Amino acid sequence: MDIDGFWQLVDTARADVPDADEVAARVSALLAALPREEIVAADRVFEELLASSYRTPLWAAAYVVNGGCSDDGFDYFRGWLIVQGRETFERVVADPDALADLPVVREAAEEGDEFDCEEALGIASDAYRAKTGEELPLDPDPPVLPVLEADFDFDDEEEVRERLPRLAALYYG
């Protein structure tokens, strides 16, 4: 399983399903039908996506749209972002302010909805367990998380407005 194959699974699972948890469950079910080596490889791809999205500006964006964001909350937010599909994921990781362009985010700003998908974090482990009855083997060489910027105060509305102007306008008025 390479990155293109992983994104194809997400696209297949997303067909006509807007709910992130249901997408994650569908990806897991699709993975469970594959050989165990493919499930392990898919887990590696997923972990690499999580690591590549571990960025301060994205965390700030998650903080804005979710009204706060803990360490675990940021993992769940990135899980949600992954199940939105490749185009959305890549666009938002490259420019977290692009979240403001997503209809679901614009709608949520009015409703106060949050974005998370803890279910996504278990896609491969759930698939592996369903396939084999065993726990997913630990990756002997997991991806390394990048170092975060230390100088972004997510509670500083002025700084957020400067660095994420469209999201700030949407959420702070």
Protein backbone atom coordinates (compact mmCIF):
# COMPACT_ATOMS: atom_id res chain seq x y z
CA MET A 1 0.00 0.00 0.00
CA ASP A 2 1.44 3.31 -1.07
CA ILE A 3 0.07 6.80 -0.49
CA ASP A 4 -1.99 6.74 -3.69
CA GLY A 5 -3.58 3.44 -2.69
CA PHE A 6 -4.38 4.82 0.76
CA TRP A 7 -6.05 7.92 -0.68
CA GLN A 8 -8.02 5.70 -3.07
CA LEU A 9 -9.40 3.80 -0.07
CA VAL A 10 -10.40 7.08 1.56
CA ASP A 11 -12.09 8.27 -1.64
CA THR A 12 -13.98 4.99 -1.97
CA ALA A 13 -15.08 5.18 1.66
CA ARG A 14 -16.13 8.83 1.31
CA ALA A 15 -18.54 8.14 -1.56
CA ASP A 16 -21.89 9.56 -0.40
CA VAL A 17 -20.85 9.59 3.28
CA PRO A 18 -20.30 12.96 4.93
CA ASP A 19 -19.77 11.63 8.49
CA ALA A 20 -16.07 11.36 9.38
CA ASP A 21 -16.51 8.46 11.82
CA GLU A 22 -18.42 6.48 9.21
CA VAL A 23 -15.73 7.21 6.61
CA ALA A 24 -13.08 5.96 9.04
CA ALA A 25 -15.09 2.78 9.71
CA ARG A 26 -15.49 2.19 5.98
CA VAL A 27 -11.76 2.68 5.33
CA SER A 28 -11.05 0.17 8.09
CA ALA A 29 -13.50 -2.33 6.59
CA LEU A 30 -11.94 -1.92 3.15
CA LEU A 31 -8.49 -2.42 4.63
CA ALA A 32 -9.59 -5.54 6.51
CA ALA A 33 -10.33 -7.18 3.15
CA LEU A 34 -6.68 -6.77 2.10
CA PRO A 35 -3.66 -8.89 3.04
CA ARG A 36 -2.17 -8.12 6.44
CA GLU A 37 0.98 -6.66 4.84
CA GLU A 38 -1.18 -4.06 3.10
CA ILE A 39 -2.83 -3.14 6.39
CA VAL A 40 0.57 -2.64 8.02
CA ALA A 41 1.69 -0.55 5.05
CA ALA A 42 -1.51 1.53 5.23
CA ASP A 43 -0.81 2.20 8.90
CA ARG A 44 2.63 3.49 7.94
CA VAL A 45 1.09 5.82 5.34
CA PHE A 46 -1.44 7.07 7.89
CA GLU A 47 1.28 7.73 10.48
CA GLU A 48 3.34 9.60 7.87
CA LEU A 49 0.31 11.76 7.06
CA LEU A 50 -0.17 12.51 10.75
CA ALA A 51 3.51 13.44 11.08
CA SER A 52 3.48 15.62 7.96
CA SER A 53 0.49 17.55 9.30
CA TYR A 54 2.01 18.11 12.76
CA ARG A 55 2.53 21.84 12.24
CA THR A 56 1.96 24.84 14.44
CA PRO A 57 -0.21 26.82 11.99
CA LEU A 58 -2.49 23.81 11.51
CA TRP A 59 -2.72 23.35 15.28
CA ALA A 60 -3.67 27.02 15.58
CA ALA A 61 -6.37 26.54 12.95
CA ALA A 62 -7.70 23.51 14.84
CA TYR A 63 -7.65 25.61 18.01
CA VAL A 64 -9.76 28.29 16.32
CA VAL A 65 -12.35 26.02 14.72
CA ASN A 66 -12.70 23.75 17.75
CA GLY A 67 -12.67 26.48 20.38
CA GLY A 68 -9.45 25.05 21.84
CA CYS A 69 -7.31 22.03 21.03
CA SER A 70 -5.32 19.73 23.33
CA ASP A 71 -2.57 17.37 22.18
CA ASP A 72 -5.07 14.54 21.77
CA GLY A 73 -7.56 16.95 20.22
CA PHE A 74 -4.99 17.86 17.57
CA ASP A 75 -4.53 14.17 16.76
CA TYR A 76 -8.30 13.76 16.43
CA PHE A 77 -8.53 16.90 14.29
CA ARG A 78 -5.83 15.59 11.94
CA GLY A 79 -7.70 12.26 11.79
CA TRP A 80 -10.77 14.22 10.71
CA LEU A 81 -8.70 16.07 8.14
CA ILE A 82 -7.31 12.85 6.66
CA VAL A 83 -10.78 11.36 6.15
CA GLN A 84 -11.78 14.52 4.25
CA GLY A 85 -9.68 13.20 1.36
CA ARG A 86 -6.39 13.99 -0.28
CA GLU A 87 -7.27 17.29 -1.95
CA THR A 88 -8.64 18.84 1.24
CA PHE A 89 -5.87 17.39 3.38
CA GLU A 90 -3.05 18.65 1.17
CA ARG A 91 -4.63 22.06 0.66
CA VAL A 92 -5.25 22.65 4.37
CA VAL A 93 -1.85 21.34 5.49
CA ALA A 94 -0.19 23.70 2.98
CA ASP A 95 -2.46 26.61 4.02
CA PRO A 96 -4.39 26.06 7.26
CA ASP A 97 -6.32 29.28 6.63
CA ALA A 98 -7.91 27.44 3.68
CA LEU A 99 -10.15 25.72 6.25
CA ALA A 100 -12.24 28.88 6.02
CA ASP A 101 -13.06 27.97 2.41
CA LEU A 102 -14.61 24.60 3.27
CA PRO A 103 -18.42 24.69 3.33
CA VAL A 104 -18.51 22.34 6.31
CA VAL A 105 -16.28 24.71 8.29
CA ARG A 106 -18.29 27.76 7.27
CA GLU A 107 -21.44 25.98 8.41
CA ALA A 108 -19.83 24.86 11.65
CA ALA A 109 -18.74 28.40 12.48
CA GLU A 110 -22.42 29.31 12.70
CA GLU A 111 -23.48 26.14 14.53
CA GLY A 112 -20.50 25.78 16.87
CA ASP A 113 -19.67 22.27 15.63
CA GLU A 114 -16.19 20.86 16.18
CA PHE A 115 -13.98 18.77 13.92
CA ASP A 116 -12.47 15.57 15.21
CA CYS A 117 -12.36 11.92 14.32
CA GLU A 118 -10.73 9.78 16.97
CA GLU A 119 -12.04 6.77 15.02
CA ALA A 120 -9.60 7.58 12.20
CA LEU A 121 -6.62 6.96 14.46
CA GLY A 122 -7.59 3.29 14.70
CA ILE A 123 -8.25 2.61 11.01
CA ALA A 124 -5.37 0.19 10.52
CA SER A 125 -5.37 -1.35 13.99
CA ASP A 126 -9.11 -2.06 13.75
CA ALA A 127 -8.65 -3.56 10.28
CA TYR A 128 -5.73 -5.70 11.41
CA ARG A 129 -7.64 -6.95 14.44
CA ALA A 130 -10.68 -7.76 12.26
CA LYS A 131 -8.47 -9.58 9.76
CA THR A 132 -6.21 -11.53 12.13
CA GLY A 133 -7.67 -11.35 15.63
CA GLU A 134 -4.31 -9.93 16.69
CA GLU A 135 -2.97 -6.49 17.51
CA LEU A 136 -1.27 -4.48 14.76
CA PRO A 137 2.51 -4.87 15.09
CA LEU A 138 4.34 -1.77 16.27
CA ASP A 139 6.28 0.10 13.61
CA PRO A 140 9.96 -0.40 14.45
CA ASP A 141 10.84 2.92 12.82
CA PRO A 142 7.88 5.31 13.26
CA PRO A 143 7.86 8.70 11.55
CA VAL A 144 9.44 11.49 13.58
CA LEU A 145 7.28 14.49 14.39
CA PRO A 146 8.73 17.85 13.38
CA VAL A 147 9.55 20.47 15.99
CA LEU A 148 6.74 22.96 16.45
CA GLU A 149 7.09 26.74 16.45
CA ALA A 150 7.21 27.96 20.02
CA ASP A 151 6.19 31.55 19.36
CA PHE A 152 2.55 31.25 18.24
CA ASP A 153 0.10 32.10 21.03
CA PHE A 154 -3.20 30.54 19.96
CA ASP A 155 -5.06 32.64 22.54
CA ASP A 156 -3.72 35.89 21.09
CA GLU A 157 -6.59 36.93 18.83
CA GLU A 158 -4.49 39.62 17.13
CA GLU A 159 -1.79 37.10 16.22
CA VAL A 160 -4.41 34.63 14.98
CA ARG A 161 -5.98 37.38 12.87
CA GLU A 162 -2.57 38.14 11.38
CA ARG A 163 -1.60 34.54 10.65
CA LEU A 164 -5.03 33.03 9.86
CA PRO A 165 -7.06 36.01 8.64
CA ARG A 166 -9.93 34.17 6.93
CA LEU A 167 -10.49 31.76 9.81
CA ALA A 168 -10.27 34.59 12.33
CA ALA A 169 -12.83 36.61 10.36
CA LEU A 170 -15.12 33.58 10.22
CA TYR A 171 -14.84 32.69 13.90
CA TYR A 172 -14.11 36.00 15.61
CA GLY A 173 -16.08 38.31 13.34
